[in-house]
Amino acid sequence: MTESSAHDDFYLRYYVGHRGKFGHEFMEFELSPSGKLRYANNSNYKHDTMIRKEVYVSPAVVEEARRIIKESEITTKVDDSNWREPDRNSGKQELEIKIGNEHIAFTCAEITSLLDVQNSSDPEGLRIFYYLTQDLKCLVFSLISLHFKIKPIPK
């Protein structure tokens, strides 16, 4: 496999959101093999408007995202079949990863704290998911705030 085709077999999408008294509030990002990073954050709290940003990142950044995902071992050690399903009263988290020949998608109820992880029926798998999504959010928030000089989470 050539280096360019190895990098073409990568895609990442993360979504977390809920519907509440302020409407559909969510944060989502996706990273494509071309380096296109798309970010959206929607909150109607205090009449905030949706933030949408798009930027191209270097191959080194795409490779770092791949490294973070591979080191987490989420594609080999985690199965979301025992995780709490999202319902009308809880938010939802989704993580979709395509890396090489593996294409996997996880869905669970929104995790609000580590207590949710510890009290789940699969604390080890959900812990891997929780920390991976935290790492990926930190990477994306850093890239967005550095590139656009904005705060990705409005106060």
C-alpha atoms as a PDB file:
ATOM      1  CA  MET A   1       0.000   0.000   0.000  1.00  0.00           C
ATOM      2  CA  THR A   2       1.405   3.372  -0.928  1.00  0.00           C
ATOM      3  CA  GLU A   3       1.664   6.129   1.636  1.00  0.00           C
ATOM      4  CA  SER A   4      -1.025   8.244  -0.052  1.00  0.00           C
ATOM      5  CA  SER A   5      -3.531   5.383  -0.191  1.00  0.00           C
ATOM      6  CA  ALA A   6      -2.856   4.598   3.483  1.00  0.00           C
ATOM      7  CA  HIS A   7      -3.776   8.168   4.352  1.00  0.00           C
ATOM      8  CA  ASP A   8      -6.857   8.064   2.123  1.00  0.00           C
ATOM      9  CA  ASP A   9      -8.311   5.299   4.303  1.00  0.00           C
ATOM     10  CA  PHE A  10      -9.065   7.593   7.224  1.00  0.00           C
ATOM     11  CA  TYR A  11     -12.191   9.412   8.329  1.00  0.00           C
ATOM     12  CA  LEU A  12     -13.321  10.668  11.734  1.00  0.00           C
ATOM     13  CA  ARG A  13     -16.654  12.113  12.858  1.00  0.00           C
ATOM     14  CA  TYR A  14     -17.791  12.930  16.383  1.00  0.00           C
ATOM     15  CA  TYR A  15     -21.191  14.263  17.484  1.00  0.00           C
ATOM     16  CA  VAL A  16     -22.588  15.060  20.902  1.00  0.00           C
ATOM     17  CA  GLY A  17     -25.954  16.703  21.358  1.00  0.00           C
ATOM     18  CA  HIS A  18     -29.386  16.807  22.895  1.00  0.00           C
ATOM     19  CA  ARG A  19     -32.771  18.427  22.466  1.00  0.00           C
ATOM     20  CA  GLY A  20     -33.892  20.552  25.371  1.00  0.00           C
ATOM     21  CA  LYS A  21     -35.571  23.806  26.255  1.00  0.00           C
ATOM     22  CA  PHE A  22     -33.077  25.656  24.039  1.00  0.00           C
ATOM     23  CA  GLY A  23     -33.743  23.439  21.015  1.00  0.00           C
ATOM     24  CA  HIS A  24     -31.219  21.151  19.357  1.00  0.00           C
ATOM     25  CA  GLU A  25     -27.859  21.878  20.955  1.00  0.00           C
ATOM     26  CA  PHE A  26     -24.868  20.002  19.618  1.00  0.00           C
ATOM     27  CA  MET A  27     -21.176  19.982  18.827  1.00  0.00           C
ATOM     28  CA  GLU A  28     -19.853  18.051  15.864  1.00  0.00           C
ATOM     29  CA  PHE A  29     -16.612  17.732  13.973  1.00  0.00           C
ATOM     30  CA  GLU A  30     -15.261  15.635  11.161  1.00  0.00           C
ATOM     31  CA  LEU A  31     -11.798  15.133   9.738  1.00  0.00           C
ATOM     32  CA  SER A  32     -11.377  13.768   6.228  1.00  0.00           C
ATOM     33  CA  PRO A  33      -8.257  12.218   4.675  1.00  0.00           C
ATOM     34  CA  SER A  34      -7.664  15.401   2.647  1.00  0.00           C
ATOM     35  CA  GLY A  35      -7.147  17.256   5.940  1.00  0.00           C
ATOM     36  CA  LYS A  36     -10.465  19.078   5.810  1.00  0.00           C
ATOM     37  CA  LEU A  37     -11.630  19.696   9.382  1.00  0.00           C
ATOM     38  CA  ARG A  38     -15.258  20.756   9.739  1.00  0.00           C
ATOM     39  CA  TYR A  39     -16.551  21.976  13.094  1.00  0.00           C
ATOM     40  CA  ALA A  40     -20.047  23.020  14.176  1.00  0.00           C
ATOM     41  CA  ASN A  41     -21.368  24.090  17.559  1.00  0.00           C
ATOM     42  CA  ASN A  42     -25.018  25.017  17.997  1.00  0.00           C
ATOM     43  CA  SER A  43     -26.541  26.463  21.137  1.00  0.00           C
ATOM     44  CA  ASN A  44     -29.572  28.671  21.451  1.00  0.00           C
ATOM     45  CA  TYR A  45     -28.788  29.536  25.057  1.00  0.00           C
ATOM     46  CA  LYS A  46     -29.009  33.321  25.420  1.00  0.00           C
ATOM     47  CA  HIS A  47     -29.829  33.422  21.694  1.00  0.00           C
ATOM     48  CA  ASP A  48     -26.371  32.241  20.639  1.00  0.00           C
ATOM     49  CA  THR A  49     -25.919  31.486  16.960  1.00  0.00           C
ATOM     50  CA  MET A  50     -24.398  28.414  15.383  1.00  0.00           C
ATOM     51  CA  ILE A  51     -20.636  28.409  14.976  1.00  0.00           C
ATOM     52  CA  ARG A  52     -19.447  26.716  11.783  1.00  0.00           C
ATOM     53  CA  LYS A  53     -15.786  26.561  10.877  1.00  0.00           C
ATOM     54  CA  GLU A  54     -13.874  24.735   8.197  1.00  0.00           C
ATOM     55  CA  VAL A  55     -10.112  24.544   7.832  1.00  0.00           C
ATOM     56  CA  TYR A  56      -7.560  22.351   6.118  1.00  0.00           C
ATOM     57  CA  VAL A  57      -4.930  20.877   8.411  1.00  0.00           C
ATOM     58  CA  SER A  58      -1.543  19.425   7.505  1.00  0.00           C
ATOM     59  CA  PRO A  59      -0.932  15.704   6.946  1.00  0.00           C
ATOM     60  CA  ALA A  60       0.938  15.707  10.273  1.00  0.00           C
ATOM     61  CA  VAL A  61      -2.278  16.682  12.089  1.00  0.00           C
ATOM     62  CA  VAL A  62      -4.244  13.942  10.303  1.00  0.00           C
ATOM     63  CA  GLU A  63      -1.498  11.493  11.232  1.00  0.00           C
ATOM     64  CA  GLU A  64      -1.666  12.620  14.879  1.00  0.00           C
ATOM     65  CA  ALA A  65      -5.428  11.966  14.947  1.00  0.00           C
ATOM     66  CA  ARG A  66      -4.773   8.505  13.484  1.00  0.00           C
ATOM     67  CA  ARG A  67      -2.105   7.872  16.138  1.00  0.00           C
ATOM     68  CA  ILE A  68      -4.403   8.932  18.985  1.00  0.00           C
ATOM     69  CA  ILE A  69      -7.143   6.617  17.717  1.00  0.00           C
ATOM     70  CA  LYS A  70      -4.820   3.655  17.167  1.00  0.00           C
ATOM     71  CA  GLU A  71      -3.194   4.016  20.598  1.00  0.00           C
ATOM     72  CA  SER A  72      -6.612   4.066  22.270  1.00  0.00           C
ATOM     73  CA  GLU A  73      -7.299   0.597  20.808  1.00  0.00           C
ATOM     74  CA  ILE A  74     -10.966   1.535  20.419  1.00  0.00           C
ATOM     75  CA  THR A  75     -11.304  -0.302  17.115  1.00  0.00           C
ATOM     76  CA  THR A  76     -10.073  -3.594  18.579  1.00  0.00           C
ATOM     77  CA  LYS A  77     -11.114  -3.614  22.253  1.00  0.00           C
ATOM     78  CA  VAL A  78     -14.476  -1.818  22.385  1.00  0.00           C
ATOM     79  CA  ASP A  79     -18.048  -2.878  21.619  1.00  0.00           C
ATOM     80  CA  ASP A  80     -20.948  -0.514  22.305  1.00  0.00           C
ATOM     81  CA  SER A  81     -23.631  -3.228  22.485  1.00  0.00           C
ATOM     82  CA  ASN A  82     -23.834  -2.969  26.310  1.00  0.00           C
ATOM     83  CA  TRP A  83     -23.788   0.830  26.505  1.00  0.00           C
ATOM     84  CA  ARG A  84     -26.801   2.849  27.523  1.00  0.00           C
ATOM     85  CA  GLU A  85     -28.858   3.742  24.462  1.00  0.00           C
ATOM     86  CA  PRO A  86     -29.828   7.368  23.936  1.00  0.00           C
ATOM     87  CA  ASP A  87     -33.466   8.139  24.696  1.00  0.00           C
ATOM     88  CA  ARG A  88     -35.767  11.186  24.745  1.00  0.00           C
ATOM     89  CA  ASN A  89     -34.398  12.390  28.077  1.00  0.00           C
ATOM     90  CA  SER A  90     -30.690  11.976  27.407  1.00  0.00           C
ATOM     91  CA  GLY A  91     -28.373  13.347  24.818  1.00  0.00           C
ATOM     92  CA  LYS A  92     -26.510  11.260  22.315  1.00  0.00           C
ATOM     93  CA  GLN A  93     -22.855  10.747  21.440  1.00  0.00           C
ATOM     94  CA  GLU A  94     -21.643   9.255  18.177  1.00  0.00           C
ATOM     95  CA  LEU A  95     -18.133   8.427  17.048  1.00  0.00           C
ATOM     96  CA  GLU A  96     -17.453   7.154  13.543  1.00  0.00           C
ATOM     97  CA  ILE A  97     -13.967   6.059  12.534  1.00  0.00           C
ATOM     98  CA  LYS A  98     -12.607   4.683   9.303  1.00  0.00           C
ATOM     99  CA  ILE A  99      -8.989   3.752   9.612  1.00  0.00           C
ATOM    100  CA  GLY A 100      -7.444   1.376   7.098  1.00  0.00           C
ATOM    101  CA  ASN A 101      -9.851  -1.516   6.490  1.00  0.00           C
ATOM    102  CA  GLU A 102     -11.724  -0.907   9.752  1.00  0.00           C
ATOM    103  CA  HIS A 103     -14.910   1.145   9.747  1.00  0.00           C
ATOM    104  CA  ILE A 104     -16.675   1.375  13.074  1.00  0.00           C
ATOM    105  CA  ALA A 105     -19.372   3.543  14.608  1.00  0.00           C
ATOM    106  CA  PHE A 106     -20.255   3.903  18.281  1.00  0.00           C
ATOM    107  CA  THR A 107     -23.435   5.384  19.733  1.00  0.00           C
ATOM    108  CA  CYS A 108     -24.364   5.905  23.356  1.00  0.00           C
ATOM    109  CA  ALA A 109     -26.274   8.176  25.679  1.00  0.00           C
ATOM    110  CA  GLU A 110     -24.465  11.419  26.425  1.00  0.00           C
ATOM    111  CA  ILE A 111     -21.763  10.938  29.057  1.00  0.00           C
ATOM    112  CA  THR A 112     -21.985  13.792  31.540  1.00  0.00           C
ATOM    113  CA  SER A 113     -19.291  12.647  33.975  1.00  0.00           C
ATOM    114  CA  LEU A 114     -16.922   9.812  34.812  1.00  0.00           C
ATOM    115  CA  LEU A 115     -19.594   8.560  37.192  1.00  0.00           C
ATOM    116  CA  ASP A 116     -21.683   7.619  34.122  1.00  0.00           C
ATOM    117  CA  VAL A 117     -18.704   5.601  32.879  1.00  0.00           C
ATOM    118  CA  GLN A 118     -18.067   3.860  36.220  1.00  0.00           C
ATOM    119  CA  ASN A 119     -21.747   2.969  36.681  1.00  0.00           C
ATOM    120  CA  SER A 120     -22.184   1.538  33.178  1.00  0.00           C
ATOM    121  CA  SER A 121     -22.428  -2.154  32.343  1.00  0.00           C
ATOM    122  CA  ASP A 122     -19.164  -1.839  30.359  1.00  0.00           C
ATOM    123  CA  PRO A 123     -16.971   0.588  32.320  1.00  0.00           C
ATOM    124  CA  GLU A 124     -13.722  -0.442  30.573  1.00  0.00           C
ATOM    125  CA  GLY A 125     -15.037   0.025  27.035  1.00  0.00           C
ATOM    126  CA  LEU A 126     -16.869   3.234  27.883  1.00  0.00           C
ATOM    127  CA  ARG A 127     -13.740   4.563  29.617  1.00  0.00           C
ATOM    128  CA  ILE A 128     -11.731   4.064  26.413  1.00  0.00           C
ATOM    129  CA  PHE A 129     -14.477   5.826  24.443  1.00  0.00           C
ATOM    130  CA  TYR A 130     -14.710   8.663  26.983  1.00  0.00           C
ATOM    131  CA  TYR A 131     -10.986   9.406  27.096  1.00  0.00           C
ATOM    132  CA  LEU A 132     -10.571   9.086  23.328  1.00  0.00           C
ATOM    133  CA  THR A 133     -13.379  11.557  22.664  1.00  0.00           C
ATOM    134  CA  GLN A 134     -11.904  13.920  25.268  1.00  0.00           C
ATOM    135  CA  ASP A 135      -8.503  13.747  23.544  1.00  0.00           C
ATOM    136  CA  LEU A 136     -10.024  14.309  20.106  1.00  0.00           C
ATOM    137  CA  LYS A 137     -12.121  17.254  21.341  1.00  0.00           C
ATOM    138  CA  CYS A 138      -9.020  18.845  22.880  1.00  0.00           C
ATOM    139  CA  LEU A 139      -7.148  18.458  19.589  1.00  0.00           C
ATOM    140  CA  VAL A 140      -9.991  19.955  17.558  1.00  0.00           C
ATOM    141  CA  PHE A 141     -10.673  22.801  20.013  1.00  0.00           C
ATOM    142  CA  SER A 142      -6.969  23.676  19.963  1.00  0.00           C
ATOM    143  CA  LEU A 143      -6.862  23.703  16.162  1.00  0.00           C
ATOM    144  CA  ILE A 144     -10.034  25.779  15.855  1.00  0.00           C
ATOM    145  CA  SER A 145      -9.037  28.318  18.491  1.00  0.00           C
ATOM    146  CA  LEU A 146      -5.509  28.635  17.084  1.00  0.00           C
ATOM    147  CA  HIS A 147      -6.677  29.058  13.519  1.00  0.00           C
ATOM    148  CA  PHE A 148      -9.679  31.304  14.087  1.00  0.00           C
ATOM    149  CA  LYS A 149      -8.761  32.960  17.398  1.00  0.00           C
ATOM    150  CA  ILE A 150     -12.173  32.071  18.849  1.00  0.00           C
ATOM    151  CA  LYS A 151     -13.348  30.127  21.843  1.00  0.00           C
ATOM    152  CA  PRO A 152     -14.996  26.936  20.542  1.00  0.00           C
ATOM    153  CA  ILE A 153     -17.330  26.737  23.553  1.00  0.00           C
ATOM    154  CA  PRO A 154     -19.128  30.062  24.079  1.00  0.00           C
ATOM    155  CA  LYS A 155     -19.530  31.135  27.691  1.00  0.00           C
END
